[in-house]
Amino acid sequence: MPLPRHRRAQLVTKWFHEVSMKYRITLAYDGADYFGWQTQGGQPTIQSVLTGALETLEGAPVTTHAADDRRPEVHAEGQVVHSDCR
């Protein structure tokens, strides 16, 4: 038996709000003032700066993923990061 029309609309609306887009970001940076890529408690890192900027744009928490290097003062050219945003 098919769902009633109002129930189908509720399901579609719920699905629409849960869908997110995966964004690819290609970065180049001078890491001289940072403690590497990965977020580290209380230290400025590339990931924490990028995540903060994306959260400002998104208005919600954002998670970023990339191959990381924890060494301080590491530079990058063409580092690929992805993030899921709504």
PDB file of N, CA and C in Angstrom:
ATOM      1  N   MET A   1       0.845  -1.183   0.000  1.00  0.00           N
ATOM      2  CA  MET A   1       0.000   0.000   0.000  1.00  0.00           C
ATOM      3  C   MET A   1       0.893   1.250   0.000  1.00  0.00           C
ATOM      4  N   PRO A   2       0.683   2.160  -0.930  1.00  0.00           N
ATOM      5  CA  PRO A   2       1.524   3.369  -0.986  1.00  0.00           C
ATOM      6  C   PRO A   2       1.271   4.285   0.212  1.00  0.00           C
ATOM      7  N   LEU A   3       2.279   5.097   0.507  1.00  0.00           N
ATOM      8  CA  LEU A   3       2.142   6.069   1.592  1.00  0.00           C
ATOM      9  C   LEU A   3       1.163   7.169   1.204  1.00  0.00           C
ATOM     10  N   PRO A   4       0.440   7.711   2.191  1.00  0.00           N
ATOM     11  CA  PRO A   4      -0.423   8.868   1.905  1.00  0.00           C
ATOM     12  C   PRO A   4       0.429  10.043   1.416  1.00  0.00           C
ATOM     13  N   ARG A   5      -0.151  10.908   0.649  1.00  0.00           N
ATOM     14  CA  ARG A   5       0.559  12.034   0.038  1.00  0.00           C
ATOM     15  C   ARG A   5       1.277  12.894   1.086  1.00  0.00           C
ATOM     16  N   HIS A   6       0.621  13.211   2.205  1.00  0.00           N
ATOM     17  CA  HIS A   6       1.260  14.067   3.207  1.00  0.00           C
ATOM     18  C   HIS A   6       2.479  13.373   3.824  1.00  0.00           C
ATOM     19  N   ARG A   7       2.442  12.051   3.965  1.00  0.00           N
ATOM     20  CA  ARG A   7       3.583  11.313   4.512  1.00  0.00           C
ATOM     21  C   ARG A   7       4.751  11.301   3.518  1.00  0.00           C
ATOM     22  N   ARG A   8       4.472  11.170   2.241  1.00  0.00           N
ATOM     23  CA  ARG A   8       5.531  11.219   1.225  1.00  0.00           C
ATOM     24  C   ARG A   8       6.209  12.579   1.239  1.00  0.00           C
ATOM     25  N   ALA A   9       5.426  13.636   1.379  1.00  0.00           N
ATOM     26  CA  ALA A   9       5.993  14.989   1.412  1.00  0.00           C
ATOM     27  C   ALA A   9       6.902  15.162   2.624  1.00  0.00           C
ATOM     28  N   GLN A  10       6.512  14.592   3.764  1.00  0.00           N
ATOM     29  CA  GLN A  10       7.354  14.681   4.962  1.00  0.00           C
ATOM     30  C   GLN A  10       8.676  13.965   4.743  1.00  0.00           C
ATOM     31  N   LEU A  11       8.639  12.798   4.123  1.00  0.00           N
ATOM     32  CA  LEU A  11       9.863  12.037   3.882  1.00  0.00           C
ATOM     33  C   LEU A  11      10.788  12.765   2.917  1.00  0.00           C
ATOM     34  N   VAL A  12      10.231  13.332   1.855  1.00  0.00           N
ATOM     35  CA  VAL A  12      11.046  14.059   0.883  1.00  0.00           C
ATOM     36  C   VAL A  12      11.670  15.281   1.531  1.00  0.00           C
ATOM     37  N   THR A  13      10.916  16.007   2.338  1.00  0.00           N
ATOM     38  CA  THR A  13      11.434  17.188   3.017  1.00  0.00           C
ATOM     39  C   THR A  13      12.563  16.807   3.957  1.00  0.00           C
ATOM     40  N   LYS A  14      12.387  15.735   4.727  1.00  0.00           N
ATOM     41  CA  LYS A  14      13.426  15.292   5.652  1.00  0.00           C
ATOM     42  C   LYS A  14      14.684  14.913   4.868  1.00  0.00           C
ATOM     43  N   TRP A  15      14.540  14.170   3.786  1.00  0.00           N
ATOM     44  CA  TRP A  15      15.685  13.754   2.980  1.00  0.00           C
ATOM     45  C   TRP A  15      16.414  14.971   2.420  1.00  0.00           C
ATOM     46  N   PHE A  16      15.680  15.956   1.927  1.00  0.00           N
ATOM     47  CA  PHE A  16      16.270  17.150   1.339  1.00  0.00           C
ATOM     48  C   PHE A  16      17.139  17.880   2.353  1.00  0.00           C
ATOM     49  N   HIS A  17      16.670  17.977   3.589  1.00  0.00           N
ATOM     50  CA  HIS A  17      17.417  18.704   4.610  1.00  0.00           C
ATOM     51  C   HIS A  17      18.637  17.934   5.107  1.00  0.00           C
ATOM     52  N   GLU A  18      18.675  16.631   4.895  1.00  0.00           N
ATOM     53  CA  GLU A  18      19.810  15.837   5.351  1.00  0.00           C
ATOM     54  C   GLU A  18      20.890  15.680   4.281  1.00  0.00           C
ATOM     55  N   VAL A  19      20.613  16.090   3.073  1.00  0.00           N
ATOM     56  CA  VAL A  19      21.574  15.943   1.983  1.00  0.00           C
ATOM     57  C   VAL A  19      22.689  16.977   2.147  1.00  0.00           C
ATOM     58  N   SER A  20      23.910  16.546   1.905  1.00  0.00           N
ATOM     59  CA  SER A  20      25.020  17.491   1.952  1.00  0.00           C
ATOM     60  C   SER A  20      25.818  17.374   0.661  1.00  0.00           C
ATOM     61  N   MET A  21      26.581  18.399   0.397  1.00  0.00           N
ATOM     62  CA  MET A  21      27.434  18.431  -0.783  1.00  0.00           C
ATOM     63  C   MET A  21      28.878  18.233  -0.319  1.00  0.00           C
ATOM     64  N   LYS A  22      29.637  17.501  -1.096  1.00  0.00           N
ATOM     65  CA  LYS A  22      31.055  17.321  -0.798  1.00  0.00           C
ATOM     66  C   LYS A  22      31.819  18.320  -1.661  1.00  0.00           C
ATOM     67  N   TYR A  23      32.607  19.152  -1.002  1.00  0.00           N
ATOM     68  CA  TYR A  23      33.380  20.168  -1.703  1.00  0.00           C
ATOM     69  C   TYR A  23      34.856  19.790  -1.707  1.00  0.00           C
ATOM     70  N   ARG A  24      35.499  20.014  -2.833  1.00  0.00           N
ATOM     71  CA  ARG A  24      36.936  19.818  -2.957  1.00  0.00           C
ATOM     72  C   ARG A  24      37.581  21.194  -2.945  1.00  0.00           C
ATOM     73  N   ILE A  25      38.584  21.342  -2.102  1.00  0.00           N
ATOM     74  CA  ILE A  25      39.303  22.603  -1.989  1.00  0.00           C
ATOM     75  C   ILE A  25      40.781  22.292  -2.226  1.00  0.00           C
ATOM     76  N   THR A  26      41.410  23.039  -3.098  1.00  0.00           N
ATOM     77  CA  THR A  26      42.841  22.873  -3.345  1.00  0.00           C
ATOM     78  C   THR A  26      43.559  24.070  -2.715  1.00  0.00           C
ATOM     79  N   LEU A  27      44.466  23.784  -1.792  1.00  0.00           N
ATOM     80  CA  LEU A  27      45.134  24.831  -1.020  1.00  0.00           C
ATOM     81  C   LEU A  27      46.603  24.966  -1.378  1.00  0.00           C
ATOM     82  N   ALA A  28      47.084  26.159  -1.233  1.00  0.00           N
ATOM     83  CA  ALA A  28      48.521  26.439  -1.222  1.00  0.00           C
ATOM     84  C   ALA A  28      48.723  27.401  -0.059  1.00  0.00           C
ATOM     85  N   TYR A  29      49.722  27.129   0.757  1.00  0.00           N
ATOM     86  CA  TYR A  29      49.946  28.015   1.901  1.00  0.00           C
ATOM     87  C   TYR A  29      51.393  27.977   2.360  1.00  0.00           C
ATOM     88  N   ASP A  30      51.767  29.064   3.025  1.00  0.00           N
ATOM     89  CA  ASP A  30      53.056  29.171   3.700  1.00  0.00           C
ATOM     90  C   ASP A  30      52.761  28.868   5.167  1.00  0.00           C
ATOM     91  N   GLY A  31      53.248  27.763   5.651  1.00  0.00           N
ATOM     92  CA  GLY A  31      52.929  27.334   7.008  1.00  0.00           C
ATOM     93  C   GLY A  31      53.866  27.842   8.079  1.00  0.00           C
ATOM     94  N   ALA A  32      54.646  28.885   7.782  1.00  0.00           N
ATOM     95  CA  ALA A  32      55.639  29.384   8.735  1.00  0.00           C
ATOM     96  C   ALA A  32      55.035  29.759  10.092  1.00  0.00           C
ATOM     97  N   ASP A  33      53.822  30.259  10.110  1.00  0.00           N
ATOM     98  CA  ASP A  33      53.200  30.698  11.361  1.00  0.00           C
ATOM     99  C   ASP A  33      52.245  29.665  11.944  1.00  0.00           C
ATOM    100  N   TYR A  34      52.269  28.434  11.430  1.00  0.00           N
ATOM    101  CA  TYR A  34      51.307  27.416  11.859  1.00  0.00           C
ATOM    102  C   TYR A  34      52.013  26.160  12.345  1.00  0.00           C
ATOM    103  N   PHE A  35      51.298  25.364  13.125  1.00  0.00           N
ATOM    104  CA  PHE A  35      51.812  24.122  13.679  1.00  0.00           C
ATOM    105  C   PHE A  35      51.336  22.931  12.852  1.00  0.00           C
ATOM    106  N   GLY A  36      51.532  22.998  11.537  1.00  0.00           N
ATOM    107  CA  GLY A  36      51.146  21.919  10.639  1.00  0.00           C
ATOM    108  C   GLY A  36      49.702  22.002  10.196  1.00  0.00           C
ATOM    109  N   TRP A  37      49.226  20.921   9.568  1.00  0.00           N
ATOM    110  CA  TRP A  37      47.868  20.868   9.035  1.00  0.00           C
ATOM    111  C   TRP A  37      46.840  20.563  10.113  1.00  0.00           C
ATOM    112  N   GLN A  38      47.018  19.474  10.854  1.00  0.00           N
ATOM    113  CA  GLN A  38      45.978  18.931  11.717  1.00  0.00           C
ATOM    114  C   GLN A  38      45.720  19.791  12.946  1.00  0.00           C
ATOM    115  N   THR A  39      44.428  19.939  13.258  1.00  0.00           N
ATOM    116  CA  THR A  39      44.019  20.685  14.448  1.00  0.00           C
ATOM    117  C   THR A  39      44.694  20.093  15.684  1.00  0.00           C
ATOM    118  N   GLN A  40      45.298  20.975  16.483  1.00  0.00           N
ATOM    119  CA  GLN A  40      45.951  20.589  17.731  1.00  0.00           C
ATOM    120  C   GLN A  40      45.493  21.565  18.795  1.00  0.00           C
ATOM    121  N   GLY A  41      45.149  21.053  19.939  1.00  0.00           N
ATOM    122  CA  GLY A  41      44.601  21.873  21.014  1.00  0.00           C
ATOM    123  C   GLY A  41      45.366  23.153  21.283  1.00  0.00           C
ATOM    124  N   GLY A  42      44.744  24.260  21.030  1.00  0.00           N
ATOM    125  CA  GLY A  42      45.300  25.556  21.372  1.00  0.00           C
ATOM    126  C   GLY A  42      46.378  26.096  20.449  1.00  0.00           C
ATOM    127  N   GLN A  43      46.779  25.355  19.431  1.00  0.00           N
ATOM    128  CA  GLN A  43      47.819  25.809  18.511  1.00  0.00           C
ATOM    129  C   GLN A  43      47.191  26.232  17.179  1.00  0.00           C
ATOM    130  N   PRO A  44      47.696  27.294  16.555  1.00  0.00           N
ATOM    131  CA  PRO A  44      47.171  27.667  15.236  1.00  0.00           C
ATOM    132  C   PRO A  44      47.619  26.663  14.168  1.00  0.00           C
ATOM    133  N   THR A  45      46.656  26.078  13.472  1.00  0.00           N
ATOM    134  CA  THR A  45      46.954  25.132  12.396  1.00  0.00           C
ATOM    135  C   THR A  45      46.161  25.524  11.155  1.00  0.00           C
ATOM    136  N   ILE A  46      46.585  25.008  10.018  1.00  0.00           N
ATOM    137  CA  ILE A  46      45.883  25.290   8.767  1.00  0.00           C
ATOM    138  C   ILE A  46      44.451  24.748   8.836  1.00  0.00           C
ATOM    139  N   GLN A  47      44.286  23.536   9.340  1.00  0.00           N
ATOM    140  CA  GLN A  47      42.951  22.937   9.419  1.00  0.00           C
ATOM    141  C   GLN A  47      42.019  23.759  10.307  1.00  0.00           C
ATOM    142  N   SER A  48      42.495  24.228  11.440  1.00  0.00           N
ATOM    143  CA  SER A  48      41.624  24.998  12.333  1.00  0.00           C
ATOM    144  C   SER A  48      41.213  26.329  11.701  1.00  0.00           C
ATOM    145  N   VAL A  49      42.119  26.965  10.974  1.00  0.00           N
ATOM    146  CA  VAL A  49      41.787  28.230  10.304  1.00  0.00           C
ATOM    147  C   VAL A  49      40.779  27.988   9.179  1.00  0.00           C
ATOM    148  N   LEU A  50      41.026  26.969   8.356  1.00  0.00           N
ATOM    149  CA  LEU A  50      40.109  26.659   7.256  1.00  0.00           C
ATOM    150  C   LEU A  50      38.738  26.242   7.777  1.00  0.00           C
ATOM    151  N   THR A  51      38.705  25.370   8.782  1.00  0.00           N
ATOM    152  CA  THR A  51      37.432  24.921   9.348  1.00  0.00           C
ATOM    153  C   THR A  51      36.656  26.094   9.933  1.00  0.00           C
ATOM    154  N   GLY A  52      37.331  26.988  10.614  1.00  0.00           N
ATOM    155  CA  GLY A  52      36.666  28.173  11.172  1.00  0.00           C
ATOM    156  C   GLY A  52      36.050  29.043  10.087  1.00  0.00           C
ATOM    157  N   ALA A  53      36.767  29.229   8.990  1.00  0.00           N
ATOM    158  CA  ALA A  53      36.244  30.036   7.878  1.00  0.00           C
ATOM    159  C   ALA A  53      35.030  29.356   7.240  1.00  0.00           C
ATOM    160  N   LEU A  54      35.104  28.040   7.028  1.00  0.00           N
ATOM    161  CA  LEU A  54      33.972  27.315   6.433  1.00  0.00           C
ATOM    162  C   LEU A  54      32.757  27.322   7.358  1.00  0.00           C
ATOM    163  N   GLU A  55      32.980  27.214   8.661  1.00  0.00           N
ATOM    164  CA  GLU A  55      31.865  27.253   9.605  1.00  0.00           C
ATOM    165  C   GLU A  55      31.200  28.631   9.610  1.00  0.00           C
ATOM    166  N   THR A  56      31.983  29.677   9.414  1.00  0.00           N
ATOM    167  CA  THR A  56      31.404  31.016   9.316  1.00  0.00           C
ATOM    168  C   THR A  56      30.499  31.108   8.088  1.00  0.00           C
ATOM    169  N   LEU A  57      30.948  30.572   6.966  1.00  0.00           N
ATOM    170  CA  LEU A  57      30.140  30.584   5.743  1.00  0.00           C
ATOM    171  C   LEU A  57      28.914  29.686   5.866  1.00  0.00           C
ATOM    172  N   GLU A  58      29.100  28.510   6.451  1.00  0.00           N
ATOM    173  CA  GLU A  58      28.045  27.502   6.535  1.00  0.00           C
ATOM    174  C   GLU A  58      27.040  27.805   7.647  1.00  0.00           C
ATOM    175  N   GLY A  59      27.497  28.458   8.715  1.00  0.00           N
ATOM    176  CA  GLY A  59      26.620  28.723   9.845  1.00  0.00           C
ATOM    177  C   GLY A  59      26.351  27.474  10.673  1.00  0.00           C
ATOM    178  N   ALA A  60      27.220  26.476  10.549  1.00  0.00           N
ATOM    179  CA  ALA A  60      27.069  25.207  11.267  1.00  0.00           C
ATOM    180  C   ALA A  60      28.442  24.546  11.343  1.00  0.00           C
ATOM    181  N   PRO A  61      28.589  23.562  12.228  1.00  0.00           N
ATOM    182  CA  PRO A  61      29.876  22.853  12.300  1.00  0.00           C
ATOM    183  C   PRO A  61      30.238  22.174  10.983  1.00  0.00           C
ATOM    184  N   VAL A  62      31.503  22.207  10.639  1.00  0.00           N
ATOM    185  CA  VAL A  62      32.017  21.630   9.391  1.00  0.00           C
ATOM    186  C   VAL A  62      33.236  20.775   9.741  1.00  0.00           C
ATOM    187  N   THR A  63      33.388  19.664   9.056  1.00  0.00           N
ATOM    188  CA  THR A  63      34.559  18.816   9.225  1.00  0.00           C
ATOM    189  C   THR A  63      35.351  18.825   7.923  1.00  0.00           C
ATOM    190  N   THR A  64      36.660  18.977   8.036  1.00  0.00           N
ATOM    191  CA  THR A  64      37.516  18.938   6.858  1.00  0.00           C
ATOM    192  C   THR A  64      38.411  17.703   6.932  1.00  0.00           C
ATOM    193  N   HIS A  65      38.740  17.154   5.762  1.00  0.00           N
ATOM    194  CA  HIS A  65      39.569  15.952   5.680  1.00  0.00           C
ATOM    195  C   HIS A  65      40.677  16.176   4.661  1.00  0.00           C
ATOM    196  N   ALA A  66      41.878  15.743   5.021  1.00  0.00           N
ATOM    197  CA  ALA A  66      43.014  15.832   4.093  1.00  0.00           C
ATOM    198  C   ALA A  66      44.134  14.950   4.618  1.00  0.00           C
ATOM    199  N   ALA A  67      45.075  14.660   3.762  1.00  0.00           N
ATOM    200  CA  ALA A  67      46.305  14.030   4.239  1.00  0.00           C
ATOM    201  C   ALA A  67      47.004  15.083   5.081  1.00  0.00           C
ATOM    202  N   ASP A  68      47.485  14.694   6.240  1.00  0.00           N
ATOM    203  CA  ASP A  68      48.022  15.724   7.135  1.00  0.00           C
ATOM    204  C   ASP A  68      49.509  15.573   7.369  1.00  0.00           C
ATOM    205  N   ASP A  69      50.084  16.656   7.794  1.00  0.00           N
ATOM    206  CA  ASP A  69      51.471  16.694   8.224  1.00  0.00           C
ATOM    207  C   ASP A  69      51.484  17.528   9.492  1.00  0.00           C
ATOM    208  N   ARG A  70      51.900  16.951  10.575  1.00  0.00           N
ATOM    209  CA  ARG A  70      51.825  17.638  11.869  1.00  0.00           C
ATOM    210  C   ARG A  70      53.056  18.483  12.179  1.00  0.00           C
ATOM    211  N   ARG A  71      54.038  18.411  11.319  1.00  0.00           N
ATOM    212  CA  ARG A  71      55.247  19.180  11.597  1.00  0.00           C
ATOM    213  C   ARG A  71      54.968  20.675  11.471  1.00  0.00           C
ATOM    214  N   PRO A  72      55.514  21.460  12.384  1.00  0.00           N
ATOM    215  CA  PRO A  72      55.339  22.910  12.285  1.00  0.00           C
ATOM    216  C   PRO A  72      56.060  23.473  11.069  1.00  0.00           C
ATOM    217  N   GLU A  73      55.560  24.570  10.595  1.00  0.00           N
ATOM    218  CA  GLU A  73      56.171  25.334   9.509  1.00  0.00           C
ATOM    219  C   GLU A  73      56.283  24.561   8.196  1.00  0.00           C
ATOM    220  N   VAL A  74      55.332  23.675   7.938  1.00  0.00           N
ATOM    221  CA  VAL A  74      55.303  22.931   6.674  1.00  0.00           C
ATOM    222  C   VAL A  74      54.495  23.730   5.670  1.00  0.00           C
ATOM    223  N   HIS A  75      54.983  23.815   4.438  1.00  0.00           N
ATOM    224  CA  HIS A  75      54.301  24.550   3.384  1.00  0.00           C
ATOM    225  C   HIS A  75      53.603  23.557   2.453  1.00  0.00           C
ATOM    226  N   ALA A  76      52.625  24.038   1.704  1.00  0.00           N
ATOM    227  CA  ALA A  76      51.924  23.166   0.761  1.00  0.00           C
ATOM    228  C   ALA A  76      51.594  23.928  -0.511  1.00  0.00           C
ATOM    229  N   GLU A  77      51.553  23.186  -1.592  1.00  0.00           N
ATOM    230  CA  GLU A  77      51.109  23.709  -2.882  1.00  0.00           C
ATOM    231  C   GLU A  77      50.284  22.599  -3.528  1.00  0.00           C
ATOM    232  N   GLY A  78      48.988  22.828  -3.652  1.00  0.00           N
ATOM    233  CA  GLY A  78      48.105  21.840  -4.277  1.00  0.00           C
ATOM    234  C   GLY A  78      47.584  20.795  -3.308  1.00  0.00           C
ATOM    235  N   GLN A  79      47.551  21.084  -2.008  1.00  0.00           N
ATOM    236  CA  GLN A  79      46.983  20.123  -1.056  1.00  0.00           C
ATOM    237  C   GLN A  79      45.474  20.065  -1.251  1.00  0.00           C
ATOM    238  N   VAL A  80      44.946  18.868  -1.384  1.00  0.00           N
ATOM    239  CA  VAL A  80      43.515  18.687  -1.600  1.00  0.00           C
ATOM    240  C   VAL A  80      42.831  18.382  -0.269  1.00  0.00           C
ATOM    241  N   VAL A  81      41.764  19.136  -0.012  1.00  0.00           N
ATOM    242  CA  VAL A  81      40.964  18.998   1.201  1.00  0.00           C
ATOM    243  C   VAL A  81      39.535  18.771   0.746  1.00  0.00           C
ATOM    244  N   HIS A  82      38.780  17.967   1.486  1.00  0.00           N
ATOM    245  CA  HIS A  82      37.346  17.896   1.185  1.00  0.00           C
ATOM    246  C   HIS A  82      36.547  18.146   2.443  1.00  0.00           C
ATOM    247  N   SER A  83      35.356  18.658   2.228  1.00  0.00           N
ATOM    248  CA  SER A  83      34.455  18.991   3.328  1.00  0.00           C
ATOM    249  C   SER A  83      33.019  18.727   2.884  1.00  0.00           C
ATOM    250  N   ASP A  84      32.211  18.251   3.814  1.00  0.00           N
ATOM    251  CA  ASP A  84      30.785  18.058   3.555  1.00  0.00           C
ATOM    252  C   ASP A  84      30.037  19.256   4.132  1.00  0.00           C
ATOM    253  N   CYS A  85      29.324  19.958   3.289  1.00  0.00           N
ATOM    254  CA  CYS A  85      28.522  21.118   3.701  1.00  0.00           C
ATOM    255  C   CYS A  85      27.111  20.939   3.159  1.00  0.00           C
ATOM    256  N   ARG A  86      26.161  21.596   3.788  1.00  0.00           N
ATOM    257  CA  ARG A  86      24.770  21.489   3.340  1.00  0.00           C
ATOM    258  C   ARG A  86      24.434  22.549   2.342  1.00  0.00           C
TER     259      ARG A  86
END
